Amino acid sequence: MERTPTRDNLTRPMRAVQLTEFGGPEVLKLVELDVPEPAEGEVLIRVSRAGINFADTHQRENAYIARRELPFVPGGEVAGTVERGAGELREGTRVVALTAGTGGYAEYATASAETTFPLHDELDDGTALALLIQGLTAWHLFRTSAQLREGESVVVHSAAGGVGSIAVQLAKPFGAGRTIATAGSEEKRALALELGADAALDYGVEDLTGALIEANGGRQVDVVLEMAGGRVFEQSLAALAPFGRLVVYGISTREQVQVSTGSLLRSSRAVVGFWLMHCLERPKMLREPLRDLFERAARGELRAVVGGTYGLSEVRRAHEDLAGRRTSGKLLLDPSS
């Protein structure tokens, strides 16, 4: 039975998902823990929805960029209501927040006031969470890392995913010319076309380089947004035109690659890495882009694709579905079930 959220509940145990060992989805344990105490400059949030990210599956195996010490509660982002405020954030304010990588898979979570953002009434939790990590990532992939120029061709891999589905929609407003999406199923490719891609193809084709060039009218491409690694990275790099940029923001296949300085010199291509966590130390890189994303969504110019909502008790299935590529868009956790 769901508890009515009151201040008295803060002295009672809360439901949370905790890791006491690293491994597969089976290590995700539903437990009861004390409600966390916010530190100086932090807020306490009653969580209505938590975001699930592909990075969480890496973190679960201790294979993420930032290593974690056991035990911990996973989850890097939440939406909910402020229970204890800080700074200008008052109790009762509806917010979305970055939790610095942990703590989100729970009924209550703490977050820095610097990375907690008030929500407009017209934005639901799913939209807000889709625009937080995934939206900010897509925004910075174009603006900060690729520095997209007017009329350049763009390839968005995993275009039906959380980042990809937003990147496809931002490409043309940010100045892209031809936008090419890739996805692993006909249904996901159809979604990418619906969201604004000019072409959609299967990234699993044997000659991905040739397919990308063909989809761009026989010309090499200018910008590639890539999060798989392995052959997808290698064949996408080979499809880049001189002065093209391949921006890496994930390694979902866990397959590392090597790039020689000679190959970059001969081709005048660039490989750029992006990790959103580096923006946490620069609040301006969060607030202004997020405001832009929220305004676009409020005007109906940006559609957040929410792929499904799972209860805390279903968290293992959520990770299995995500790792098995059976989902599209943003996945959410409901801490009340």
C-alpha atoms as a PDB file:
ATOM      1  CA  MET A   1       0.000   0.000   0.000  1.00  0.00           C
ATOM      2  CA  GLU A   2       1.348   3.417  -0.944  1.00  0.00           C
ATOM      3  CA  ARG A   3       2.120   5.690   1.986  1.00  0.00           C
ATOM      4  CA  THR A   4       0.712   9.196   2.019  1.00  0.00           C
ATOM      5  CA  PRO A   5       3.805  11.414   1.889  1.00  0.00           C
ATOM      6  CA  THR A   6       4.085  13.477   5.077  1.00  0.00           C
ATOM      7  CA  ARG A   7       6.985  14.794   7.119  1.00  0.00           C
ATOM      8  CA  ASP A   8       6.418  11.882   9.552  1.00  0.00           C
ATOM      9  CA  ASN A   9       7.422   9.515   6.757  1.00  0.00           C
ATOM     10  CA  LEU A  10      10.910  10.988   6.802  1.00  0.00           C
ATOM     11  CA  THR A  11      11.596   9.150  10.076  1.00  0.00           C
ATOM     12  CA  ARG A  12      10.407   5.810   8.630  1.00  0.00           C
ATOM     13  CA  PRO A  13      12.229   3.434   6.286  1.00  0.00           C
ATOM     14  CA  MET A  14      11.820   4.068   2.574  1.00  0.00           C
ATOM     15  CA  ARG A  15      11.735   1.583  -0.286  1.00  0.00           C
ATOM     16  CA  ALA A  16      14.828   1.630  -2.477  1.00  0.00           C
ATOM     17  CA  VAL A  17      16.850  -0.526  -4.857  1.00  0.00           C
ATOM     18  CA  GLN A  18      20.317  -1.259  -3.510  1.00  0.00           C
ATOM     19  CA  LEU A  19      23.424  -2.995  -4.823  1.00  0.00           C
ATOM     20  CA  THR A  20      25.568  -4.932  -2.351  1.00  0.00           C
ATOM     21  CA  GLU A  21      27.468  -6.721  -5.131  1.00  0.00           C
ATOM     22  CA  PHE A  22      28.156  -6.117  -8.813  1.00  0.00           C
ATOM     23  CA  GLY A  23      26.717  -8.294 -11.548  1.00  0.00           C
ATOM     24  CA  GLY A  24      23.639  -8.904 -13.661  1.00  0.00           C
ATOM     25  CA  PRO A  25      20.081  -7.673 -13.054  1.00  0.00           C
ATOM     26  CA  GLU A  26      19.722 -10.187 -10.212  1.00  0.00           C
ATOM     27  CA  VAL A  27      21.941  -8.011  -7.958  1.00  0.00           C
ATOM     28  CA  LEU A  28      19.291  -5.263  -7.923  1.00  0.00           C
ATOM     29  CA  LYS A  29      17.633  -5.779  -4.517  1.00  0.00           C
ATOM     30  CA  LEU A  30      14.482  -4.067  -3.262  1.00  0.00           C
ATOM     31  CA  VAL A  31      15.171  -3.096   0.367  1.00  0.00           C
ATOM     32  CA  GLU A  32      14.138  -0.665   3.071  1.00  0.00           C
ATOM     33  CA  LEU A  33      16.615   2.080   3.986  1.00  0.00           C
ATOM     34  CA  ASP A  34      16.593   5.246   6.058  1.00  0.00           C
ATOM     35  CA  VAL A  35      15.530   8.386   4.239  1.00  0.00           C
ATOM     36  CA  PRO A  36      18.781  10.162   3.232  1.00  0.00           C
ATOM     37  CA  GLU A  37      19.765  13.336   5.061  1.00  0.00           C
ATOM     38  CA  PRO A  38      20.534  16.277   2.739  1.00  0.00           C
ATOM     39  CA  ALA A  39      23.928  17.889   3.211  1.00  0.00           C
ATOM     40  CA  GLU A  40      24.617  21.610   3.104  1.00  0.00           C
ATOM     41  CA  GLY A  41      23.369  23.018  -0.188  1.00  0.00           C
ATOM     42  CA  GLU A  42      21.281  19.932  -0.989  1.00  0.00           C
ATOM     43  CA  VAL A  43      17.547  19.361  -1.197  1.00  0.00           C
ATOM     44  CA  LEU A  44      15.552  16.294  -0.203  1.00  0.00           C
ATOM     45  CA  ILE A  45      13.115  15.191  -2.916  1.00  0.00           C
ATOM     46  CA  ARG A  46      10.099  12.921  -2.625  1.00  0.00           C
ATOM     47  CA  VAL A  47      10.504  10.969  -5.842  1.00  0.00           C
ATOM     48  CA  SER A  48       7.517  10.547  -8.141  1.00  0.00           C
ATOM     49  CA  ARG A  49       9.564   9.107 -11.019  1.00  0.00           C
ATOM     50  CA  ALA A  50      13.212   8.111 -11.416  1.00  0.00           C
ATOM     51  CA  GLY A  51      14.977   7.890 -14.740  1.00  0.00           C
ATOM     52  CA  ILE A  52      16.608   4.689 -15.998  1.00  0.00           C
ATOM     53  CA  ASN A  53      19.663   5.093 -18.204  1.00  0.00           C
ATOM     54  CA  PHE A  54      21.817   2.677 -20.188  1.00  0.00           C
ATOM     55  CA  ALA A  55      24.739   3.851 -18.064  1.00  0.00           C
ATOM     56  CA  ASP A  56      22.970   2.268 -15.065  1.00  0.00           C
ATOM     57  CA  THR A  57      23.565  -1.179 -16.582  1.00  0.00           C
ATOM     58  CA  HIS A  58      27.294  -0.427 -16.797  1.00  0.00           C
ATOM     59  CA  GLN A  59      27.278   0.921 -13.244  1.00  0.00           C
ATOM     60  CA  ARG A  60      25.557  -2.237 -12.034  1.00  0.00           C
ATOM     61  CA  GLU A  61      28.521  -4.240 -13.337  1.00  0.00           C
ATOM     62  CA  ASN A  62      31.102  -1.706 -12.105  1.00  0.00           C
ATOM     63  CA  ALA A  63      32.064  -1.109 -15.735  1.00  0.00           C
ATOM     64  CA  TYR A  64      31.057   2.555 -15.858  1.00  0.00           C
ATOM     65  CA  ILE A  65      33.388   5.519 -16.343  1.00  0.00           C
ATOM     66  CA  ALA A  66      33.014   6.447 -12.670  1.00  0.00           C
ATOM     67  CA  ARG A  67      33.487   3.447 -10.377  1.00  0.00           C
ATOM     68  CA  ARG A  68      31.273   3.045  -7.308  1.00  0.00           C
ATOM     69  CA  GLU A  69      31.832   1.613  -3.845  1.00  0.00           C
ATOM     70  CA  LEU A  70      29.333  -0.872  -2.434  1.00  0.00           C
ATOM     71  CA  PRO A  71      26.678  -0.674  -1.171  1.00  0.00           C
ATOM     72  CA  PHE A  72      24.855   2.034  -3.121  1.00  0.00           C
ATOM     73  CA  VAL A  73      21.478   2.958  -4.571  1.00  0.00           C
ATOM     74  CA  PRO A  74      21.704   3.452  -8.354  1.00  0.00           C
ATOM     75  CA  GLY A  75      19.944   6.172 -10.299  1.00  0.00           C
ATOM     76  CA  GLY A  76      21.265   9.503 -11.522  1.00  0.00           C
ATOM     77  CA  GLU A  77      18.053  11.531 -11.975  1.00  0.00           C
ATOM     78  CA  VAL A  78      14.668  12.010 -10.364  1.00  0.00           C
ATOM     79  CA  ALA A  79      11.481  14.016 -10.685  1.00  0.00           C
ATOM     80  CA  GLY A  80       9.370  14.835  -7.666  1.00  0.00           C
ATOM     81  CA  THR A  81       8.598  17.382  -4.971  1.00  0.00           C
ATOM     82  CA  VAL A  82      10.988  19.163  -2.612  1.00  0.00           C
ATOM     83  CA  GLU A  83      10.530  17.929   0.963  1.00  0.00           C
ATOM     84  CA  ARG A  84      13.392  19.942   2.464  1.00  0.00           C
ATOM     85  CA  GLY A  85      14.536  22.981   0.586  1.00  0.00           C
ATOM     86  CA  ALA A  86      17.814  24.794   0.061  1.00  0.00           C
ATOM     87  CA  GLY A  87      18.571  28.181  -1.434  1.00  0.00           C
ATOM     88  CA  GLU A  88      15.617  29.360  -3.503  1.00  0.00           C
ATOM     89  CA  LEU A  89      14.067  25.883  -3.703  1.00  0.00           C
ATOM     90  CA  ARG A  90      11.176  25.744  -1.244  1.00  0.00           C
ATOM     91  CA  GLU A  91       9.198  22.818   0.123  1.00  0.00           C
ATOM     92  CA  GLY A  92       6.438  21.740  -2.220  1.00  0.00           C
ATOM     93  CA  THR A  93       8.240  22.866  -5.381  1.00  0.00           C
ATOM     94  CA  ARG A  94       7.951  20.403  -8.226  1.00  0.00           C
ATOM     95  CA  VAL A  95      11.428  19.666  -9.610  1.00  0.00           C
ATOM     96  CA  VAL A  96      13.650  17.476 -11.726  1.00  0.00           C
ATOM     97  CA  ALA A  97      17.186  16.823 -10.483  1.00  0.00           C
ATOM     98  CA  LEU A  98      20.528  15.217 -11.228  1.00  0.00           C
ATOM     99  CA  THR A  99      21.695  13.184  -8.235  1.00  0.00           C
ATOM    100  CA  ALA A 100      25.400  12.946  -9.162  1.00  0.00           C
ATOM    101  CA  GLY A 101      25.060   9.362 -10.305  1.00  0.00           C
ATOM    102  CA  THR A 102      23.474   7.531  -7.371  1.00  0.00           C
ATOM    103  CA  GLY A 103      20.433   7.544  -5.107  1.00  0.00           C
ATOM    104  CA  GLY A 104      17.612   7.870  -7.608  1.00  0.00           C
ATOM    105  CA  TYR A 105      16.041   4.391  -7.413  1.00  0.00           C
ATOM    106  CA  ALA A 106      14.211   5.212  -4.175  1.00  0.00           C
ATOM    107  CA  GLU A 107      11.200   6.927  -2.651  1.00  0.00           C
ATOM    108  CA  TYR A 108      13.375   9.825  -1.490  1.00  0.00           C
ATOM    109  CA  ALA A 109      16.621  11.200  -2.885  1.00  0.00           C
ATOM    110  CA  THR A 110      18.993  14.083  -2.268  1.00  0.00           C
ATOM    111  CA  ALA A 111      20.475  16.369  -4.892  1.00  0.00           C
ATOM    112  CA  SER A 112      22.527  19.533  -5.024  1.00  0.00           C
ATOM    113  CA  ALA A 113      20.420  22.663  -5.318  1.00  0.00           C
ATOM    114  CA  GLU A 114      22.690  23.582  -8.257  1.00  0.00           C
ATOM    115  CA  THR A 115      21.485  20.554 -10.226  1.00  0.00           C
ATOM    116  CA  THR A 116      17.821  20.749  -9.201  1.00  0.00           C
ATOM    117  CA  PHE A 117      15.469  22.559 -11.573  1.00  0.00           C
ATOM    118  CA  PRO A 118      11.870  23.736 -10.986  1.00  0.00           C
ATOM    119  CA  LEU A 119       9.279  22.354 -13.420  1.00  0.00           C
ATOM    120  CA  HIS A 120       6.500  24.155 -15.246  1.00  0.00           C
ATOM    121  CA  ASP A 121       3.030  22.674 -14.797  1.00  0.00           C
ATOM    122  CA  GLU A 122       2.769  21.801 -18.498  1.00  0.00           C
ATOM    123  CA  LEU A 123       5.759  19.423 -18.285  1.00  0.00           C
ATOM    124  CA  ASP A 124       4.974  15.952 -16.955  1.00  0.00           C
ATOM    125  CA  ASP A 125       7.596  13.889 -15.115  1.00  0.00           C
ATOM    126  CA  GLY A 126       8.387  11.679 -18.106  1.00  0.00           C
ATOM    127  CA  THR A 127       9.025  14.615 -20.418  1.00  0.00           C
ATOM    128  CA  ALA A 128      11.150  16.404 -17.819  1.00  0.00           C
ATOM    129  CA  LEU A 129      13.298  13.323 -17.182  1.00  0.00           C
ATOM    130  CA  ALA A 130      13.693  12.623 -20.897  1.00  0.00           C
ATOM    131  CA  LEU A 131      14.962  16.170 -21.373  1.00  0.00           C
ATOM    132  CA  LEU A 132      17.311  16.110 -18.393  1.00  0.00           C
ATOM    133  CA  ILE A 133      20.150  13.650 -19.074  1.00  0.00           C
ATOM    134  CA  GLN A 134      19.160  12.580 -22.595  1.00  0.00           C
ATOM    135  CA  GLY A 135      18.021  16.021 -23.721  1.00  0.00           C
ATOM    136  CA  LEU A 136      21.031  17.826 -22.309  1.00  0.00           C
ATOM    137  CA  THR A 137      23.307  15.230 -23.871  1.00  0.00           C
ATOM    138  CA  ALA A 138      21.716  15.636 -27.312  1.00  0.00           C
ATOM    139  CA  TRP A 139      21.881  19.440 -27.001  1.00  0.00           C
ATOM    140  CA  HIS A 140      25.580  19.423 -26.142  1.00  0.00           C
ATOM    141  CA  LEU A 141      26.450  16.794 -28.750  1.00  0.00           C
ATOM    142  CA  PHE A 142      25.367  19.248 -31.420  1.00  0.00           C
ATOM    143  CA  ARG A 143      26.228  22.606 -29.878  1.00  0.00           C
ATOM    144  CA  THR A 144      29.309  21.910 -27.773  1.00  0.00           C
ATOM    145  CA  SER A 145      31.043  18.844 -29.190  1.00  0.00           C
ATOM    146  CA  ALA A 146      30.152  18.617 -32.898  1.00  0.00           C
ATOM    147  CA  GLN A 147      29.665  22.396 -33.243  1.00  0.00           C
ATOM    148  CA  LEU A 148      27.188  21.666 -36.010  1.00  0.00           C
ATOM    149  CA  ARG A 149      27.279  24.091 -38.939  1.00  0.00           C
ATOM    150  CA  GLU A 150      24.425  25.102 -41.212  1.00  0.00           C
ATOM    151  CA  GLY A 151      23.532  22.505 -43.824  1.00  0.00           C
ATOM    152  CA  GLU A 152      25.842  19.735 -42.587  1.00  0.00           C
ATOM    153  CA  SER A 153      24.695  16.130 -42.838  1.00  0.00           C
ATOM    154  CA  VAL A 154      24.137  14.289 -39.565  1.00  0.00           C
ATOM    155  CA  VAL A 155      24.017  10.600 -38.615  1.00  0.00           C
ATOM    156  CA  VAL A 156      22.200   9.708 -35.383  1.00  0.00           C
ATOM    157  CA  HIS A 157      22.805   6.120 -34.293  1.00  0.00           C
ATOM    158  CA  SER A 158      20.297   4.388 -31.974  1.00  0.00           C
ATOM    159  CA  ALA A 159      17.817   7.002 -33.122  1.00  0.00           C
ATOM    160  CA  ALA A 160      14.860   5.529 -31.218  1.00  0.00           C
ATOM    161  CA  GLY A 161      16.697   5.630 -27.886  1.00  0.00           C
ATOM    162  CA  GLY A 162      16.562   8.314 -25.225  1.00  0.00           C
ATOM    163  CA  VAL A 163      19.326  10.529 -26.630  1.00  0.00           C
ATOM    164  CA  GLY A 164      18.799   9.559 -30.264  1.00  0.00           C
ATOM    165  CA  SER A 165      15.087  10.340 -30.362  1.00  0.00           C
ATOM    166  CA  ILE A 166      15.752  13.862 -29.097  1.00  0.00           C
ATOM    167  CA  ALA A 167      18.828  14.361 -31.293  1.00  0.00           C
ATOM    168  CA  VAL A 168      16.816  13.504 -34.418  1.00  0.00           C
ATOM    169  CA  GLN A 169      14.316  16.226 -33.503  1.00  0.00           C
ATOM    170  CA  LEU A 170      16.980  18.830 -32.699  1.00  0.00           C
ATOM    171  CA  ALA A 171      19.062  18.253 -35.824  1.00  0.00           C
ATOM    172  CA  LYS A 172      17.080  20.410 -38.270  1.00  0.00           C
ATOM    173  CA  PRO A 173      16.292  23.249 -35.807  1.00  0.00           C
ATOM    174  CA  PHE A 174      20.013  23.362 -34.990  1.00  0.00           C
ATOM    175  CA  GLY A 175      20.895  23.759 -38.682  1.00  0.00           C
ATOM    176  CA  ALA A 176      21.484  20.235 -40.000  1.00  0.00           C
ATOM    177  CA  GLY A 177      20.921  19.378 -43.634  1.00  0.00           C
ATOM    178  CA  ARG A 178      20.206  15.734 -44.388  1.00  0.00           C
ATOM    179  CA  THR A 179      19.595  13.729 -41.207  1.00  0.00           C
ATOM    180  CA  ILE A 180      20.230   9.973 -41.302  1.00  0.00           C
ATOM    181  CA  ALA A 181      18.997   7.760 -38.472  1.00  0.00           C
ATOM    182  CA  THR A 182      19.935   4.181 -37.643  1.00  0.00           C
ATOM    183  CA  ALA A 183      18.040   1.675 -35.526  1.00  0.00           C
ATOM    184  CA  GLY A 184      17.819  -2.076 -35.151  1.00  0.00           C
ATOM    185  CA  SER A 185      14.183  -2.734 -36.059  1.00  0.00           C
ATOM    186  CA  GLU A 186      11.638  -1.565 -38.609  1.00  0.00           C
ATOM    187  CA  GLU A 187       9.449  -0.180 -35.834  1.00  0.00           C
ATOM    188  CA  LYS A 188      12.298   1.918 -34.435  1.00  0.00           C
ATOM    189  CA  ARG A 189      13.301   3.142 -37.886  1.00  0.00           C
ATOM    190  CA  ALA A 190       9.704   4.178 -38.535  1.00  0.00           C
ATOM    191  CA  LEU A 191       9.749   6.148 -35.281  1.00  0.00           C
ATOM    192  CA  ALA A 192      12.953   7.935 -36.341  1.00  0.00           C
ATOM    193  CA  LEU A 193      11.350   8.960 -39.639  1.00  0.00           C
ATOM    194  CA  GLU A 194       8.262  10.153 -37.781  1.00  0.00           C
ATOM    195  CA  LEU A 195      10.495  12.297 -35.547  1.00  0.00           C
ATOM    196  CA  GLY A 196      12.077  14.030 -38.533  1.00  0.00           C
ATOM    197  CA  ALA A 197      14.882  11.911 -39.998  1.00  0.00           C
ATOM    198  CA  ASP A 198      15.258  12.044 -43.780  1.00  0.00           C
ATOM    199  CA  ALA A 199      16.430   8.429 -43.976  1.00  0.00           C
ATOM    200  CA  ALA A 200      16.583   5.478 -41.596  1.00  0.00           C
ATOM    201  CA  LEU A 201      18.666   2.331 -41.963  1.00  0.00           C
ATOM    202  CA  ASP A 202      19.727  -0.740 -40.017  1.00  0.00           C
ATOM    203  CA  TYR A 203      23.089  -0.242 -38.281  1.00  0.00           C
ATOM    204  CA  GLY A 204      23.553  -4.008 -38.425  1.00  0.00           C
ATOM    205  CA  VAL A 205      24.146  -4.069 -42.200  1.00  0.00           C
ATOM    206  CA  GLU A 206      27.491  -5.559 -43.182  1.00  0.00           C
ATOM    207  CA  ASP A 207      28.728  -2.475 -45.040  1.00  0.00           C
ATOM    208  CA  LEU A 208      27.564   0.285 -42.726  1.00  0.00           C
ATOM    209  CA  THR A 209      30.044   2.749 -44.224  1.00  0.00           C
ATOM    210  CA  GLY A 210      28.602   2.266 -47.711  1.00  0.00           C
ATOM    211  CA  ALA A 211      25.023   2.413 -46.423  1.00  0.00           C
ATOM    212  CA  LEU A 212      25.624   5.746 -44.672  1.00  0.00           C
ATOM    213  CA  ILE A 213      27.244   7.281 -47.736  1.00  0.00           C
ATOM    214  CA  GLU A 214      24.461   5.986 -49.975  1.00  0.00           C
ATOM    215  CA  ALA A 215      21.834   7.402 -47.622  1.00  0.00           C
ATOM    216  CA  ASN A 216      23.610  10.778 -47.924  1.00  0.00           C
ATOM    217  CA  GLY A 217      23.263  10.817 -51.698  1.00  0.00           C
ATOM    218  CA  GLY A 218      26.673   9.288 -52.359  1.00  0.00           C
ATOM    219  CA  ARG A 219      28.553  11.832 -50.256  1.00  0.00           C
ATOM    220  CA  GLN A 220      30.499  11.267 -47.054  1.00  0.00           C
ATOM    221  CA  VAL A 221      28.791  12.579 -43.917  1.00  0.00           C
ATOM    222  CA  ASP A 222      29.756  15.543 -41.752  1.00  0.00           C
ATOM    223  CA  VAL A 223      28.678  14.624 -38.213  1.00  0.00           C
ATOM    224  CA  VAL A 224      28.053  11.275 -36.519  1.00  0.00           C
ATOM    225  CA  LEU A 225      26.609  10.861 -33.001  1.00  0.00           C
ATOM    226  CA  GLU A 226      27.795   7.452 -31.795  1.00  0.00           C
ATOM    227  CA  MET A 227      27.277   5.445 -28.612  1.00  0.00           C
ATOM    228  CA  ALA A 228      27.864   1.802 -29.552  1.00  0.00           C
ATOM    229  CA  GLY A 229      31.598   1.353 -30.103  1.00  0.00           C
ATOM    230  CA  GLY A 230      33.145  -1.543 -32.001  1.00  0.00           C
ATOM    231  CA  ARG A 231      32.278  -1.912 -35.693  1.00  0.00           C
ATOM    232  CA  VAL A 232      29.619   0.824 -35.584  1.00  0.00           C
ATOM    233  CA  PHE A 233      32.285   3.308 -34.484  1.00  0.00           C
ATOM    234  CA  GLU A 234      34.861   2.075 -37.000  1.00  0.00           C
ATOM    235  CA  GLN A 235      32.547   2.036 -40.009  1.00  0.00           C
ATOM    236  CA  SER A 236      30.991   5.372 -39.066  1.00  0.00           C
ATOM    237  CA  LEU A 237      34.436   6.965 -38.824  1.00  0.00           C
ATOM    238  CA  ALA A 238      35.224   5.648 -42.307  1.00  0.00           C
ATOM    239  CA  ALA A 239      32.074   7.363 -43.627  1.00  0.00           C
ATOM    240  CA  LEU A 240      33.167  10.816 -42.405  1.00  0.00           C
ATOM    241  CA  ALA A 241      34.070  13.536 -44.889  1.00  0.00           C
ATOM    242  CA  PRO A 242      37.212  15.645 -44.434  1.00  0.00           C
ATOM    243  CA  PHE A 243      36.675  17.947 -41.431  1.00  0.00           C
ATOM    244  CA  GLY A 244      33.848  15.665 -40.271  1.00  0.00           C
ATOM    245  CA  ARG A 245      33.342  15.011 -36.552  1.00  0.00           C
ATOM    246  CA  LEU A 246      32.383  11.769 -34.844  1.00  0.00           C
ATOM    247  CA  VAL A 247      31.124  12.419 -31.310  1.00  0.00           C
ATOM    248  CA  VAL A 248      31.247   9.494 -28.867  1.00  0.00           C
ATOM    249  CA  TYR A 249      28.874   9.541 -25.889  1.00  0.00           C
ATOM    250  CA  GLY A 250      28.689   5.851 -24.907  1.00  0.00           C
ATOM    251  CA  ILE A 251      30.043   2.345 -25.445  1.00  0.00           C
ATOM    252  CA  SER A 252      26.935   0.154 -25.303  1.00  0.00           C
ATOM    253  CA  THR A 253      28.648  -2.842 -26.931  1.00  0.00           C
ATOM    254  CA  ARG A 254      31.563  -2.649 -24.446  1.00  0.00           C
ATOM    255  CA  GLU A 255      33.850  -3.004 -27.499  1.00  0.00           C
ATOM    256  CA  GLN A 256      36.801  -0.604 -27.293  1.00  0.00           C
ATOM    257  CA  VAL A 257      38.410   0.743 -30.463  1.00  0.00           C
ATOM    258  CA  GLN A 258      41.737   2.329 -31.378  1.00  0.00           C
ATOM    259  CA  VAL A 259      42.267   5.261 -33.719  1.00  0.00           C
ATOM    260  CA  SER A 260      45.712   6.075 -35.107  1.00  0.00           C
ATOM    261  CA  THR A 261      46.974   9.631 -35.317  1.00  0.00           C
ATOM    262  CA  GLY A 262      48.070   8.902 -38.881  1.00  0.00           C
ATOM    263  CA  SER A 263      44.542   8.024 -39.988  1.00  0.00           C
ATOM    264  CA  LEU A 264      43.213  11.249 -38.477  1.00  0.00           C
ATOM    265  CA  LEU A 265      45.960  13.256 -40.173  1.00  0.00           C
ATOM    266  CA  ARG A 266      45.356  11.716 -43.573  1.00  0.00           C
ATOM    267  CA  SER A 267      41.582  12.223 -43.427  1.00  0.00           C
ATOM    268  CA  SER A 268      41.263  15.540 -41.516  1.00  0.00           C
ATOM    269  CA  ARG A 269      38.611  13.866 -39.379  1.00  0.00           C
ATOM    270  CA  ALA A 270      37.968  14.474 -35.677  1.00  0.00           C
ATOM    271  CA  VAL A 271      36.862  12.160 -32.879  1.00  0.00           C
ATOM    272  CA  VAL A 272      35.310  13.943 -29.889  1.00  0.00           C
ATOM    273  CA  GLY A 273      34.191  12.485 -26.561  1.00  0.00           C
ATOM    274  CA  PHE A 274      31.317  13.798 -24.456  1.00  0.00           C
ATOM    275  CA  TRP A 275      30.265  12.944 -20.879  1.00  0.00           C
ATOM    276  CA  LEU A 276      27.489  15.005 -19.302  1.00  0.00           C
ATOM    277  CA  MET A 277      29.008  14.721 -15.822  1.00  0.00           C
ATOM    278  CA  HIS A 278      31.669  17.252 -16.812  1.00  0.00           C
ATOM    279  CA  CYS A 279      28.887  19.829 -17.096  1.00  0.00           C
ATOM    280  CA  LEU A 280      27.967  19.442 -13.414  1.00  0.00           C
ATOM    281  CA  GLU A 281      30.858  21.713 -12.441  1.00  0.00           C
ATOM    282  CA  ARG A 282      29.575  24.332 -14.880  1.00  0.00           C
ATOM    283  CA  PRO A 283      25.931  25.055 -13.906  1.00  0.00           C
ATOM    284  CA  LYS A 284      25.512  27.441 -16.861  1.00  0.00           C
ATOM    285  CA  MET A 285      26.020  24.452 -19.186  1.00  0.00           C
ATOM    286  CA  LEU A 286      22.981  22.842 -17.558  1.00  0.00           C
ATOM    287  CA  ARG A 287      20.533  25.652 -16.867  1.00  0.00           C
ATOM    288  CA  GLU A 288      20.524  27.510 -20.177  1.00  0.00           C
ATOM    289  CA  PRO A 289      20.314  24.433 -22.446  1.00  0.00           C
ATOM    290  CA  LEU A 290      17.653  22.877 -20.191  1.00  0.00           C
ATOM    291  CA  ARG A 291      15.612  26.059 -20.343  1.00  0.00           C
ATOM    292  CA  ASP A 292      15.839  25.915 -24.142  1.00  0.00           C
ATOM    293  CA  LEU A 293      14.716  22.270 -24.170  1.00  0.00           C
ATOM    294  CA  PHE A 294      11.819  22.881 -21.778  1.00  0.00           C
ATOM    295  CA  GLU A 295      10.621  25.841 -23.854  1.00  0.00           C
ATOM    296  CA  ARG A 296      10.761  23.821 -27.077  1.00  0.00           C
ATOM    297  CA  ALA A 297       8.748  21.046 -25.425  1.00  0.00           C
ATOM    298  CA  ALA A 298       6.203  23.517 -24.047  1.00  0.00           C
ATOM    299  CA  ARG A 299       5.734  24.976 -27.549  1.00  0.00           C
ATOM    300  CA  GLY A 300       5.167  21.498 -28.950  1.00  0.00           C
ATOM    301  CA  GLU A 301       8.373  21.567 -30.998  1.00  0.00           C
ATOM    302  CA  LEU A 302      10.041  18.704 -29.133  1.00  0.00           C
ATOM    303  CA  ARG A 303       8.421  15.403 -28.272  1.00  0.00           C
ATOM    304  CA  ALA A 304       9.797  13.317 -25.431  1.00  0.00           C
ATOM    305  CA  VAL A 305       9.479   9.614 -26.223  1.00  0.00           C
ATOM    306  CA  VAL A 306       8.695   7.771 -22.981  1.00  0.00           C
ATOM    307  CA  GLY A 307       9.185   4.081 -23.574  1.00  0.00           C
ATOM    308  CA  GLY A 308       7.729   2.592 -20.411  1.00  0.00           C
ATOM    309  CA  THR A 309       7.281   2.903 -16.642  1.00  0.00           C
ATOM    310  CA  TYR A 310       8.320   0.127 -14.249  1.00  0.00           C
ATOM    311  CA  GLY A 311       7.708  -0.236 -10.530  1.00  0.00           C
ATOM    312  CA  LEU A 312      10.660  -0.510  -8.144  1.00  0.00           C
ATOM    313  CA  SER A 313       9.746  -4.171  -7.810  1.00  0.00           C
ATOM    314  CA  GLU A 314      10.183  -4.531 -11.595  1.00  0.00           C
ATOM    315  CA  VAL A 315      13.629  -2.946 -11.778  1.00  0.00           C
ATOM    316  CA  ARG A 316      15.349  -6.171 -12.852  1.00  0.00           C
ATOM    317  CA  ARG A 317      13.006  -6.531 -15.818  1.00  0.00           C
ATOM    318  CA  ALA A 318      13.608  -2.894 -16.720  1.00  0.00           C
ATOM    319  CA  HIS A 319      17.364  -3.498 -16.901  1.00  0.00           C
ATOM    320  CA  GLU A 320      16.850  -6.692 -18.901  1.00  0.00           C
ATOM    321  CA  ASP A 321      14.575  -4.923 -21.398  1.00  0.00           C
ATOM    322  CA  LEU A 322      16.993  -2.011 -21.748  1.00  0.00           C
ATOM    323  CA  ALA A 323      20.074  -4.192 -22.223  1.00  0.00           C
ATOM    324  CA  GLY A 324      18.140  -6.422 -24.626  1.00  0.00           C
ATOM    325  CA  ARG A 325      17.242  -3.401 -26.785  1.00  0.00           C
ATOM    326  CA  ARG A 326      13.541  -4.120 -26.386  1.00  0.00           C
ATOM    327  CA  THR A 327      12.707  -0.514 -25.498  1.00  0.00           C
ATOM    328  CA  SER A 328      12.427   2.888 -27.139  1.00  0.00           C
ATOM    329  CA  GLY A 329      12.795   6.344 -25.649  1.00  0.00           C
ATOM    330  CA  LYS A 330      13.033   7.129 -21.954  1.00  0.00           C
ATOM    331  CA  LEU A 331      12.413   4.485 -19.284  1.00  0.00           C
ATOM    332  CA  LEU A 332      11.048   5.428 -15.855  1.00  0.00           C
ATOM    333  CA  LEU A 333      10.770   3.891 -12.384  1.00  0.00           C
ATOM    334  CA  ASP A 334       7.693   4.454 -10.206  1.00  0.00           C
ATOM    335  CA  PRO A 335       8.821   4.223  -6.555  1.00  0.00           C
ATOM    336  CA  SER A 336       5.249   3.725  -5.320  1.00  0.00           C
ATOM    337  CA  SER A 337       4.939   0.246  -6.837  1.00  0.00           C
END
